[in-house]
């Protein structure tokens, strides 16, 4: 149920989904130049979480990872994607994987980065899932991603 200014709110309307999270400490490697969850080395563990949209239809996505690249000029990216439903990798995309939301590192120095993104317009009560995807910039480089976390926080 979406709430609008002036609506009467009853206690039963305030059932609020809890924050959910997923963390993966094993590293993965990729050579893909498009966003993917596939790996070319390391451990193939998906970092994702299903959640129910809160009454506002807004959630805050918090995500972080340790990143580095095999080349001093190569870049490694990690960004969230959100789809409808609770099955990883399926459903309609409601937030695309995009460089504008990505955390990234250029070069061989290992760095831990994090970002947040306010996602609005979700249907209250519907189930969605958020997942972290990764890629490298064009060129023959290998990106390494480690210690990934995604947290989905309902926004009032």
C-alpha atoms as a PDB file:
ATOM      1  CA  UNK A   1       0.000   0.000   0.000  1.00  0.00           C
ATOM      2  CA  UNK A   2       1.420   3.375  -0.991  1.00  0.00           C
ATOM      3  CA  UNK A   3       0.955   6.235   1.444  1.00  0.00           C
ATOM      4  CA  UNK A   4       0.143   9.760   0.336  1.00  0.00           C
ATOM      5  CA  UNK A   5       0.144  13.050   2.246  1.00  0.00           C
ATOM      6  CA  UNK A   6      -3.014  13.294   4.347  1.00  0.00           C
ATOM      7  CA  UNK A   7      -3.651   9.531   4.509  1.00  0.00           C
ATOM      8  CA  UNK A   8      -4.755   8.138   7.853  1.00  0.00           C
ATOM      9  CA  UNK A   9      -2.205   5.605   9.057  1.00  0.00           C
ATOM     10  CA  UNK A  10      -3.208   2.745  11.335  1.00  0.00           C
ATOM     11  CA  UNK A  11      -0.833   0.618  13.423  1.00  0.00           C
ATOM     12  CA  UNK A  12      -1.302  -2.395  11.119  1.00  0.00           C
ATOM     13  CA  UNK A  13      -0.112  -0.223   8.218  1.00  0.00           C
ATOM     14  CA  UNK A  14       3.255   0.162   9.913  1.00  0.00           C
ATOM     15  CA  UNK A  15       4.434  -3.404   9.447  1.00  0.00           C
ATOM     16  CA  UNK A  16       7.857  -2.633   8.102  1.00  0.00           C
ATOM     17  CA  UNK A  17      10.257  -4.923   6.274  1.00  0.00           C
ATOM     18  CA  UNK A  18      13.635  -5.276   7.950  1.00  0.00           C
ATOM     19  CA  UNK A  19      16.960  -4.452   6.349  1.00  0.00           C
ATOM     20  CA  UNK A  20      18.542  -7.442   4.631  1.00  0.00           C
ATOM     21  CA  UNK A  21      22.114  -8.073   3.570  1.00  0.00           C
ATOM     22  CA  UNK A  22      24.508 -10.534   1.990  1.00  0.00           C
ATOM     23  CA  UNK A  23      28.297 -10.689   2.238  1.00  0.00           C
ATOM     24  CA  UNK A  24      30.812 -12.773   0.318  1.00  0.00           C
ATOM     25  CA  UNK A  25      34.437 -12.815   1.459  1.00  0.00           C
ATOM     26  CA  UNK A  26      35.808 -15.090  -1.263  1.00  0.00           C
ATOM     27  CA  UNK A  27      37.457 -13.427  -4.261  1.00  0.00           C
ATOM     28  CA  UNK A  28      36.413 -13.704  -7.877  1.00  0.00           C
ATOM     29  CA  UNK A  29      38.062 -12.697 -11.125  1.00  0.00           C
ATOM     30  CA  UNK A  30      36.510 -11.437 -14.349  1.00  0.00           C
ATOM     31  CA  UNK A  31      37.636 -10.487 -17.834  1.00  0.00           C
ATOM     32  CA  UNK A  32      34.141  -9.496 -19.015  1.00  0.00           C
ATOM     33  CA  UNK A  33      33.741  -5.959 -20.350  1.00  0.00           C
ATOM     34  CA  UNK A  34      29.958  -6.095 -19.797  1.00  0.00           C
ATOM     35  CA  UNK A  35      28.281  -6.423 -16.406  1.00  0.00           C
ATOM     36  CA  UNK A  36      27.930 -10.061 -15.393  1.00  0.00           C
ATOM     37  CA  UNK A  37      27.861 -12.390 -12.412  1.00  0.00           C
ATOM     38  CA  UNK A  38      30.048 -14.927 -14.243  1.00  0.00           C
ATOM     39  CA  UNK A  39      33.630 -15.458 -13.127  1.00  0.00           C
ATOM     40  CA  UNK A  40      36.820 -16.490 -14.902  1.00  0.00           C
ATOM     41  CA  UNK A  41      38.648 -17.390 -11.697  1.00  0.00           C
ATOM     42  CA  UNK A  42      38.173 -17.598  -7.967  1.00  0.00           C
ATOM     43  CA  UNK A  43      34.927 -18.591  -6.288  1.00  0.00           C
ATOM     44  CA  UNK A  44      31.617 -18.272  -8.132  1.00  0.00           C
ATOM     45  CA  UNK A  45      29.461 -16.986  -5.256  1.00  0.00           C
ATOM     46  CA  UNK A  46      26.658 -14.588  -6.082  1.00  0.00           C
ATOM     47  CA  UNK A  47      26.203 -11.597  -3.765  1.00  0.00           C
ATOM     48  CA  UNK A  48      22.469 -10.874  -3.653  1.00  0.00           C
ATOM     49  CA  UNK A  49      19.402 -10.538  -1.467  1.00  0.00           C
ATOM     50  CA  UNK A  50      15.635 -10.753  -1.947  1.00  0.00           C
ATOM     51  CA  UNK A  51      13.483  -8.155  -0.181  1.00  0.00           C
ATOM     52  CA  UNK A  52       9.924  -6.876   0.056  1.00  0.00           C
ATOM     53  CA  UNK A  53       9.390  -3.238  -0.907  1.00  0.00           C
ATOM     54  CA  UNK A  54       8.277  -1.108   2.068  1.00  0.00           C
ATOM     55  CA  UNK A  55       5.064   0.983   2.055  1.00  0.00           C
ATOM     56  CA  UNK A  56       6.949   3.988   0.636  1.00  0.00           C
ATOM     57  CA  UNK A  57       8.309   2.002  -2.328  1.00  0.00           C
ATOM     58  CA  UNK A  58      11.805   3.324  -1.511  1.00  0.00           C
ATOM     59  CA  UNK A  59      14.922   1.417  -0.431  1.00  0.00           C
ATOM     60  CA  UNK A  60      18.518   2.437   0.079  1.00  0.00           C
ATOM     61  CA  UNK A  61      21.064   0.127  -1.539  1.00  0.00           C
ATOM     62  CA  UNK A  62      24.412   0.103   0.273  1.00  0.00           C
ATOM     63  CA  UNK A  63      27.209  -1.860  -1.349  1.00  0.00           C
ATOM     64  CA  UNK A  64      30.956  -2.250  -1.081  1.00  0.00           C
ATOM     65  CA  UNK A  65      33.827  -4.408  -2.280  1.00  0.00           C
ATOM     66  CA  UNK A  66      37.589  -4.619  -2.413  1.00  0.00           C
ATOM     67  CA  UNK A  67      38.780  -4.187  -6.003  1.00  0.00           C
ATOM     68  CA  UNK A  68      41.962  -4.289  -8.054  1.00  0.00           C
ATOM     69  CA  UNK A  69      43.040  -4.916 -11.639  1.00  0.00           C
ATOM     70  CA  UNK A  70      45.868  -6.818 -13.300  1.00  0.00           C
ATOM     71  CA  UNK A  71      46.944  -3.718 -15.236  1.00  0.00           C
ATOM     72  CA  UNK A  72      48.116  -0.370 -13.886  1.00  0.00           C
ATOM     73  CA  UNK A  73      45.736   1.315 -16.359  1.00  0.00           C
ATOM     74  CA  UNK A  74      42.902  -1.227 -16.201  1.00  0.00           C
ATOM     75  CA  UNK A  75      39.670  -0.591 -14.281  1.00  0.00           C
ATOM     76  CA  UNK A  76      37.398  -2.939 -12.315  1.00  0.00           C
ATOM     77  CA  UNK A  77      33.743  -2.055 -11.605  1.00  0.00           C
ATOM     78  CA  UNK A  78      31.013  -3.380  -9.260  1.00  0.00           C
ATOM     79  CA  UNK A  79      27.406  -2.156  -9.367  1.00  0.00           C
ATOM     80  CA  UNK A  80      23.955  -3.333  -8.251  1.00  0.00           C
ATOM     81  CA  UNK A  81      21.112  -4.549 -10.424  1.00  0.00           C
ATOM     82  CA  UNK A  82      17.555  -4.926  -9.088  1.00  0.00           C
ATOM     83  CA  UNK A  83      14.918  -7.212 -10.595  1.00  0.00           C
ATOM     84  CA  UNK A  84      11.370  -8.221  -9.730  1.00  0.00           C
ATOM     85  CA  UNK A  85      10.802 -11.483  -7.862  1.00  0.00           C
ATOM     86  CA  UNK A  86      12.883 -13.446  -5.421  1.00  0.00           C
ATOM     87  CA  UNK A  87      14.756 -15.681  -7.869  1.00  0.00           C
ATOM     88  CA  UNK A  88      18.293 -14.547  -8.597  1.00  0.00           C
ATOM     89  CA  UNK A  89      18.921 -13.589 -12.204  1.00  0.00           C
ATOM     90  CA  UNK A  90      15.279 -13.672 -13.291  1.00  0.00           C
ATOM     91  CA  UNK A  91      12.479 -11.119 -13.368  1.00  0.00           C
ATOM     92  CA  UNK A  92      12.103  -7.707 -14.926  1.00  0.00           C
ATOM     93  CA  UNK A  93      14.998  -5.289 -14.409  1.00  0.00           C
ATOM     94  CA  UNK A  94      13.919  -2.227 -12.386  1.00  0.00           C
ATOM     95  CA  UNK A  95      17.442  -0.842 -11.825  1.00  0.00           C
ATOM     96  CA  UNK A  96      20.036  -1.570 -14.492  1.00  0.00           C
ATOM     97  CA  UNK A  97      23.697  -2.256 -13.826  1.00  0.00           C
ATOM     98  CA  UNK A  98      25.405   0.991 -14.822  1.00  0.00           C
ATOM     99  CA  UNK A  99      28.758   2.746 -14.452  1.00  0.00           C
ATOM    100  CA  UNK A 100      27.017   5.790 -12.915  1.00  0.00           C
ATOM    101  CA  UNK A 101      26.270   3.690  -9.802  1.00  0.00           C
ATOM    102  CA  UNK A 102      29.454   1.619  -9.880  1.00  0.00           C
ATOM    103  CA  UNK A 103      32.289   1.546  -7.439  1.00  0.00           C
ATOM    104  CA  UNK A 104      35.546   1.244  -9.339  1.00  0.00           C
ATOM    105  CA  UNK A 105      39.287   1.132  -9.084  1.00  0.00           C
ATOM    106  CA  UNK A 106      41.917   1.787 -11.714  1.00  0.00           C
ATOM    107  CA  UNK A 107      45.201  -0.024 -11.343  1.00  0.00           C
ATOM    108  CA  UNK A 108      46.819  -2.770  -9.374  1.00  0.00           C
ATOM    109  CA  UNK A 109      46.465  -1.257  -5.914  1.00  0.00           C
ATOM    110  CA  UNK A 110      43.838  -3.081  -3.844  1.00  0.00           C
ATOM    111  CA  UNK A 111      41.231  -0.632  -2.502  1.00  0.00           C
ATOM    112  CA  UNK A 112      37.949  -1.045  -0.638  1.00  0.00           C
ATOM    113  CA  UNK A 113      35.131   1.138  -1.944  1.00  0.00           C
ATOM    114  CA  UNK A 114      31.482   1.629  -1.091  1.00  0.00           C
ATOM    115  CA  UNK A 115      28.468   3.549  -2.371  1.00  0.00           C
ATOM    116  CA  UNK A 116      24.753   4.024  -1.762  1.00  0.00           C
ATOM    117  CA  UNK A 117      21.835   4.444  -4.136  1.00  0.00           C
ATOM    118  CA  UNK A 118      18.273   5.507  -3.308  1.00  0.00           C
ATOM    119  CA  UNK A 119      15.896   3.366  -5.347  1.00  0.00           C
ATOM    120  CA  UNK A 120      12.347   4.721  -5.612  1.00  0.00           C
ATOM    121  CA  UNK A 121       9.202   3.682  -7.434  1.00  0.00           C
ATOM    122  CA  UNK A 122       8.979   0.108  -6.176  1.00  0.00           C
ATOM    123  CA  UNK A 123       5.542  -1.420  -5.652  1.00  0.00           C
ATOM    124  CA  UNK A 124       4.904  -1.672  -1.888  1.00  0.00           C
ATOM    125  CA  UNK A 125       4.769  -5.274  -0.666  1.00  0.00           C
ATOM    126  CA  UNK A 126       6.163  -6.728  -3.901  1.00  0.00           C
ATOM    127  CA  UNK A 127       9.274  -8.928  -3.788  1.00  0.00           C
ATOM    128  CA  UNK A 128      12.447  -7.850  -5.576  1.00  0.00           C
ATOM    129  CA  UNK A 129      16.073  -8.905  -5.471  1.00  0.00           C
ATOM    130  CA  UNK A 130      19.279  -6.858  -5.551  1.00  0.00           C
ATOM    131  CA  UNK A 131      22.522  -8.359  -6.825  1.00  0.00           C
ATOM    132  CA  UNK A 132      26.070  -7.128  -7.358  1.00  0.00           C
ATOM    133  CA  UNK A 133      27.518  -7.480 -10.864  1.00  0.00           C
ATOM    134  CA  UNK A 134      31.075  -6.807 -12.044  1.00  0.00           C
ATOM    135  CA  UNK A 135      33.095  -5.975 -15.159  1.00  0.00           C
ATOM    136  CA  UNK A 136      36.415  -4.586 -16.345  1.00  0.00           C
ATOM    137  CA  UNK A 137      37.102  -1.700 -18.722  1.00  0.00           C
ATOM    138  CA  UNK A 138      37.936  -2.589 -22.308  1.00  0.00           C
ATOM    139  CA  UNK A 139      41.311  -4.164 -22.821  1.00  0.00           C
ATOM    140  CA  UNK A 140      42.917  -7.450 -21.941  1.00  0.00           C
ATOM    141  CA  UNK A 141      42.830  -7.093 -18.159  1.00  0.00           C
ATOM    142  CA  UNK A 142      41.615  -9.198 -15.268  1.00  0.00           C
ATOM    143  CA  UNK A 143      39.601  -7.603 -12.490  1.00  0.00           C
ATOM    144  CA  UNK A 144      39.577  -9.060  -8.996  1.00  0.00           C
ATOM    145  CA  UNK A 145      36.661  -8.456  -6.641  1.00  0.00           C
ATOM    146  CA  UNK A 146      36.773  -9.478  -2.982  1.00  0.00           C
ATOM    147  CA  UNK A 147      34.818  -8.929   0.243  1.00  0.00           C
ATOM    148  CA  UNK A 148      31.500  -7.910  -1.379  1.00  0.00           C
ATOM    149  CA  UNK A 149      28.502  -6.737   0.638  1.00  0.00           C
ATOM    150  CA  UNK A 150      25.052  -5.548  -0.373  1.00  0.00           C
ATOM    151  CA  UNK A 151      22.540  -4.163   2.138  1.00  0.00           C
ATOM    152  CA  UNK A 152      18.941  -3.227   1.342  1.00  0.00           C
ATOM    153  CA  UNK A 153      17.455  -0.731   3.820  1.00  0.00           C
ATOM    154  CA  UNK A 154      13.746   0.249   3.756  1.00  0.00           C
ATOM    155  CA  UNK A 155      13.297   4.028   3.615  1.00  0.00           C
ATOM    156  CA  UNK A 156      10.452   5.674   5.479  1.00  0.00           C
END
